[in-house]
Amino acid sequence: MRVTAKRQFEETKTIGEIGRIEAASEWCGEKSIEAQQQAALAKLKELAREFEADAIVGLNFQIDDVATTDLSPLALHRVNATGVAVRLARG
């Protein structure tokens, strides 16, 4: 599965846009942001495969945080990955 933050691949033509997809890592207080990015990206790739996409363009990450409270003494965060699933020209 090819992935880029750009809207398209320079060397390959996009022939069909399937649609915007989104996946998130688990809420966690201990994992590094980088590890959570990789987990979110893996889920996003799996979702793109379910839609029979060849690639994901416009990849973006966003971090969600939950502050420490009396009920939750551990600050939590997760990473959301979004992008557009596309089909690429063959050949």
N, C-alpha and C. Protein backbone atom coordinates (compact mmCIF):
# COMPACT_ATOMS: atom_id res chain seq x y z
N MET A 1 0.85 -1.17 0.00
CA MET A 1 0.00 0.00 0.00
C MET A 1 0.90 1.23 0.00
N ARG A 2 0.70 2.08 -0.99
CA ARG A 2 1.47 3.32 -1.09
C ARG A 2 0.75 4.42 -0.31
N VAL A 3 1.53 5.26 0.35
CA VAL A 3 0.97 6.32 1.18
C VAL A 3 1.78 7.59 0.98
N THR A 4 1.09 8.74 0.87
CA THR A 4 1.77 10.02 0.77
C THR A 4 0.93 11.10 1.45
N ALA A 5 1.60 12.11 1.94
CA ALA A 5 0.90 13.27 2.50
C ALA A 5 0.43 14.20 1.40
N LYS A 6 0.99 14.05 0.20
CA LYS A 6 0.58 14.88 -0.93
C LYS A 6 -0.79 14.45 -1.44
N ARG A 7 -1.40 15.26 -2.27
CA ARG A 7 -2.72 14.94 -2.83
C ARG A 7 -2.65 13.92 -3.96
N GLN A 8 -1.46 13.67 -4.51
CA GLN A 8 -1.30 12.67 -5.56
C GLN A 8 0.15 12.24 -5.64
N PHE A 9 0.38 11.14 -6.33
CA PHE A 9 1.74 10.66 -6.58
C PHE A 9 2.24 11.30 -7.87
N GLU A 10 3.45 11.79 -7.87
CA GLU A 10 3.99 12.47 -9.05
C GLU A 10 4.17 11.54 -10.23
N GLU A 11 4.60 10.30 -10.00
CA GLU A 11 4.92 9.38 -11.09
C GLU A 11 3.77 8.47 -11.49
N THR A 12 2.66 8.51 -10.76
CA THR A 12 1.54 7.62 -11.04
C THR A 12 0.24 8.41 -11.05
N LYS A 13 -0.60 8.15 -12.02
CA LYS A 13 -1.87 8.85 -12.15
C LYS A 13 -2.93 8.20 -11.27
N THR A 14 -3.67 9.03 -10.54
CA THR A 14 -4.81 8.56 -9.76
C THR A 14 -6.01 8.48 -10.70
N ILE A 15 -6.64 7.30 -10.76
CA ILE A 15 -7.77 7.15 -11.68
C ILE A 15 -9.12 7.18 -10.97
N GLY A 16 -9.11 7.02 -9.68
CA GLY A 16 -10.39 7.04 -8.96
C GLY A 16 -10.21 7.31 -7.49
N GLU A 17 -11.01 8.23 -6.99
CA GLU A 17 -11.01 8.53 -5.57
C GLU A 17 -12.13 7.75 -4.92
N ILE A 18 -11.79 6.91 -3.96
CA ILE A 18 -12.79 6.09 -3.27
C ILE A 18 -13.47 6.91 -2.18
N GLY A 19 -12.67 7.63 -1.41
CA GLY A 19 -13.24 8.49 -0.37
C GLY A 19 -12.33 8.66 0.81
N ARG A 20 -12.72 9.56 1.69
CA ARG A 20 -11.94 9.87 2.88
C ARG A 20 -12.10 8.74 3.87
N ILE A 21 -10.98 8.34 4.48
CA ILE A 21 -11.00 7.28 5.49
C ILE A 21 -10.27 7.78 6.74
N GLU A 22 -10.60 7.16 7.87
CA GLU A 22 -10.03 7.58 9.14
C GLU A 22 -9.85 6.37 10.04
N ALA A 23 -8.75 6.37 10.80
CA ALA A 23 -8.50 5.31 11.78
C ALA A 23 -7.73 5.92 12.94
N ALA A 24 -7.86 5.33 14.10
CA ALA A 24 -7.19 5.87 15.28
C ALA A 24 -6.49 4.77 16.06
N SER A 25 -5.43 5.18 16.74
CA SER A 25 -4.75 4.26 17.65
C SER A 25 -5.60 4.13 18.91
N GLU A 26 -5.22 3.24 19.79
CA GLU A 26 -5.91 3.09 21.07
C GLU A 26 -5.55 4.27 21.97
N TRP A 27 -6.43 4.59 22.91
CA TRP A 27 -6.09 5.58 23.93
C TRP A 27 -4.98 5.01 24.78
N CYS A 28 -3.97 5.80 25.05
CA CYS A 28 -2.82 5.29 25.79
C CYS A 28 -2.13 6.43 26.54
N GLY A 29 -1.54 6.10 27.64
CA GLY A 29 -0.80 7.09 28.40
C GLY A 29 0.69 6.83 28.39
N GLU A 30 1.08 5.70 27.81
CA GLU A 30 2.47 5.30 27.92
C GLU A 30 3.21 5.22 26.58
N LYS A 31 2.53 4.82 25.51
CA LYS A 31 3.21 4.65 24.23
C LYS A 31 3.65 5.99 23.67
N SER A 32 4.75 5.95 22.92
CA SER A 32 5.21 7.17 22.27
C SER A 32 4.25 7.56 21.15
N ILE A 33 4.25 8.82 20.83
CA ILE A 33 3.40 9.31 19.74
C ILE A 33 3.78 8.60 18.44
N GLU A 34 5.06 8.38 18.20
CA GLU A 34 5.50 7.71 16.97
C GLU A 34 4.93 6.29 16.88
N ALA A 35 4.93 5.57 17.99
CA ALA A 35 4.38 4.21 18.00
C ALA A 35 2.87 4.25 17.73
N GLN A 36 2.20 5.25 18.26
CA GLN A 36 0.76 5.37 18.02
C GLN A 36 0.48 5.79 16.58
N GLN A 37 1.34 6.60 15.99
CA GLN A 37 1.18 6.96 14.58
C GLN A 37 1.26 5.71 13.71
N GLN A 38 2.22 4.85 14.00
CA GLN A 38 2.39 3.62 13.23
C GLN A 38 1.18 2.71 13.39
N ALA A 39 0.63 2.64 14.61
CA ALA A 39 -0.56 1.81 14.85
C ALA A 39 -1.77 2.37 14.09
N ALA A 40 -1.95 3.68 14.10
CA ALA A 40 -3.06 4.30 13.39
C ALA A 40 -2.90 4.12 11.88
N LEU A 41 -1.67 4.26 11.38
CA LEU A 41 -1.41 4.09 9.96
C LEU A 41 -1.68 2.65 9.52
N ALA A 42 -1.30 1.68 10.34
CA ALA A 42 -1.57 0.27 10.02
C ALA A 42 -3.08 0.03 9.90
N LYS A 43 -3.87 0.60 10.80
CA LYS A 43 -5.33 0.46 10.74
C LYS A 43 -5.89 1.16 9.51
N LEU A 44 -5.32 2.32 9.16
CA LEU A 44 -5.78 3.06 7.99
C LEU A 44 -5.50 2.27 6.71
N LYS A 45 -4.33 1.65 6.61
CA LYS A 45 -3.98 0.83 5.45
C LYS A 45 -4.93 -0.35 5.32
N GLU A 46 -5.26 -0.99 6.44
CA GLU A 46 -6.18 -2.13 6.42
C GLU A 46 -7.55 -1.69 5.94
N LEU A 47 -8.01 -0.55 6.39
CA LEU A 47 -9.30 -0.02 5.95
C LEU A 47 -9.27 0.27 4.45
N ALA A 48 -8.18 0.84 3.96
CA ALA A 48 -8.05 1.13 2.53
C ALA A 48 -8.09 -0.17 1.71
N ARG A 49 -7.47 -1.23 2.21
CA ARG A 49 -7.50 -2.52 1.52
C ARG A 49 -8.93 -3.08 1.44
N GLU A 50 -9.70 -2.87 2.50
CA GLU A 50 -11.10 -3.33 2.51
C GLU A 50 -11.91 -2.65 1.40
N PHE A 51 -11.54 -1.42 1.05
CA PHE A 51 -12.19 -0.69 -0.04
C PHE A 51 -11.52 -0.93 -1.38
N GLU A 52 -10.56 -1.87 -1.41
CA GLU A 52 -9.81 -2.22 -2.61
C GLU A 52 -9.06 -1.03 -3.20
N ALA A 53 -8.51 -0.20 -2.32
CA ALA A 53 -7.70 0.94 -2.74
C ALA A 53 -6.27 0.49 -3.02
N ASP A 54 -5.59 1.22 -3.90
CA ASP A 54 -4.18 0.97 -4.18
C ASP A 54 -3.27 1.84 -3.33
N ALA A 55 -3.81 2.97 -2.86
CA ALA A 55 -2.97 3.94 -2.16
C ALA A 55 -3.82 4.84 -1.27
N ILE A 56 -3.13 5.58 -0.43
CA ILE A 56 -3.74 6.61 0.40
C ILE A 56 -3.00 7.91 0.13
N VAL A 57 -3.72 8.96 -0.22
CA VAL A 57 -3.11 10.26 -0.44
C VAL A 57 -3.66 11.24 0.60
N GLY A 58 -2.94 12.35 0.77
CA GLY A 58 -3.38 13.37 1.73
C GLY A 58 -3.32 12.90 3.17
N LEU A 59 -2.35 12.04 3.49
CA LEU A 59 -2.22 11.50 4.85
C LEU A 59 -2.00 12.62 5.85
N ASN A 60 -2.74 12.56 6.95
CA ASN A 60 -2.61 13.56 8.00
C ASN A 60 -2.79 12.87 9.36
N PHE A 61 -2.02 13.32 10.33
CA PHE A 61 -2.15 12.82 11.69
C PHE A 61 -2.63 13.93 12.61
N GLN A 62 -3.47 13.56 13.58
CA GLN A 62 -3.94 14.50 14.59
C GLN A 62 -3.86 13.80 15.93
N ILE A 63 -3.41 14.51 16.95
CA ILE A 63 -3.30 13.94 18.29
C ILE A 63 -4.45 14.44 19.15
N ASP A 64 -5.18 13.50 19.76
CA ASP A 64 -6.24 13.83 20.71
C ASP A 64 -5.70 13.57 22.11
N ASP A 65 -5.98 14.49 23.02
CA ASP A 65 -5.52 14.35 24.40
C ASP A 65 -6.70 14.43 25.36
N VAL A 66 -6.58 13.72 26.47
CA VAL A 66 -7.51 13.82 27.58
C VAL A 66 -6.67 14.22 28.78
N ALA A 67 -7.02 15.34 29.37
CA ALA A 67 -6.24 15.86 30.49
C ALA A 67 -6.44 15.00 31.74
N THR A 68 -5.53 15.14 32.67
CA THR A 68 -5.62 14.45 33.95
C THR A 68 -6.77 15.04 34.76
N THR A 69 -7.57 14.17 35.36
CA THR A 69 -8.67 14.61 36.24
C THR A 69 -8.64 13.76 37.51
N ASP A 70 -9.54 14.09 38.43
CA ASP A 70 -9.65 13.28 39.65
C ASP A 70 -10.07 11.85 39.33
N LEU A 71 -10.90 11.69 38.28
CA LEU A 71 -11.38 10.37 37.91
C LEU A 71 -10.37 9.59 37.06
N SER A 72 -9.51 10.32 36.36
CA SER A 72 -8.51 9.69 35.50
C SER A 72 -7.15 10.34 35.79
N PRO A 73 -6.40 9.77 36.71
CA PRO A 73 -5.13 10.40 37.12
C PRO A 73 -4.03 10.34 36.05
N LEU A 74 -4.26 9.59 34.98
CA LEU A 74 -3.27 9.46 33.92
C LEU A 74 -3.73 10.21 32.68
N ALA A 75 -2.91 11.11 32.19
CA ALA A 75 -3.23 11.81 30.95
C ALA A 75 -3.18 10.81 29.79
N LEU A 76 -4.17 10.84 28.93
CA LEU A 76 -4.26 9.91 27.81
C LEU A 76 -4.16 10.65 26.48
N HIS A 77 -3.68 9.94 25.47
CA HIS A 77 -3.67 10.50 24.12
C HIS A 77 -3.81 9.36 23.11
N ARG A 78 -4.24 9.74 21.92
CA ARG A 78 -4.31 8.80 20.80
C ARG A 78 -4.02 9.59 19.53
N VAL A 79 -3.71 8.86 18.47
CA VAL A 79 -3.41 9.49 17.19
C VAL A 79 -4.48 9.08 16.19
N ASN A 80 -5.06 10.06 15.51
CA ASN A 80 -6.00 9.83 14.42
C ASN A 80 -5.25 9.99 13.11
N ALA A 81 -5.42 9.07 12.21
CA ALA A 81 -4.83 9.15 10.87
C ALA A 81 -5.98 9.29 9.88
N THR A 82 -5.88 10.26 8.97
CA THR A 82 -6.89 10.43 7.94
C THR A 82 -6.21 10.53 6.58
N GLY A 83 -6.95 10.20 5.54
CA GLY A 83 -6.43 10.29 4.18
C GLY A 83 -7.55 9.96 3.21
N VAL A 84 -7.20 9.97 1.94
CA VAL A 84 -8.16 9.65 0.89
C VAL A 84 -7.71 8.36 0.21
N ALA A 85 -8.56 7.35 0.23
CA ALA A 85 -8.28 6.08 -0.46
C ALA A 85 -8.49 6.29 -1.95
N VAL A 86 -7.51 5.84 -2.76
CA VAL A 86 -7.59 6.02 -4.22
C VAL A 86 -7.19 4.76 -4.95
N ARG A 87 -7.59 4.71 -6.20
CA ARG A 87 -7.12 3.66 -7.12
C ARG A 87 -6.15 4.33 -8.08
N LEU A 88 -5.07 3.61 -8.39
CA LEU A 88 -4.03 4.14 -9.26
C LEU A 88 -4.08 3.47 -10.64
N ALA A 89 -3.60 4.19 -11.63
CA ALA A 89 -3.52 3.64 -13.00
C ALA A 89 -2.55 2.48 -13.01
N ARG A 90 -2.86 1.46 -13.75
CA ARG A 90 -1.99 0.27 -13.88
C ARG A 90 -1.02 0.49 -15.03
N GLY A 91 0.19 -0.06 -14.86
CA GLY A 91 1.14 -0.04 -15.96
C GLY A 91 2.12 0.99 -15.90
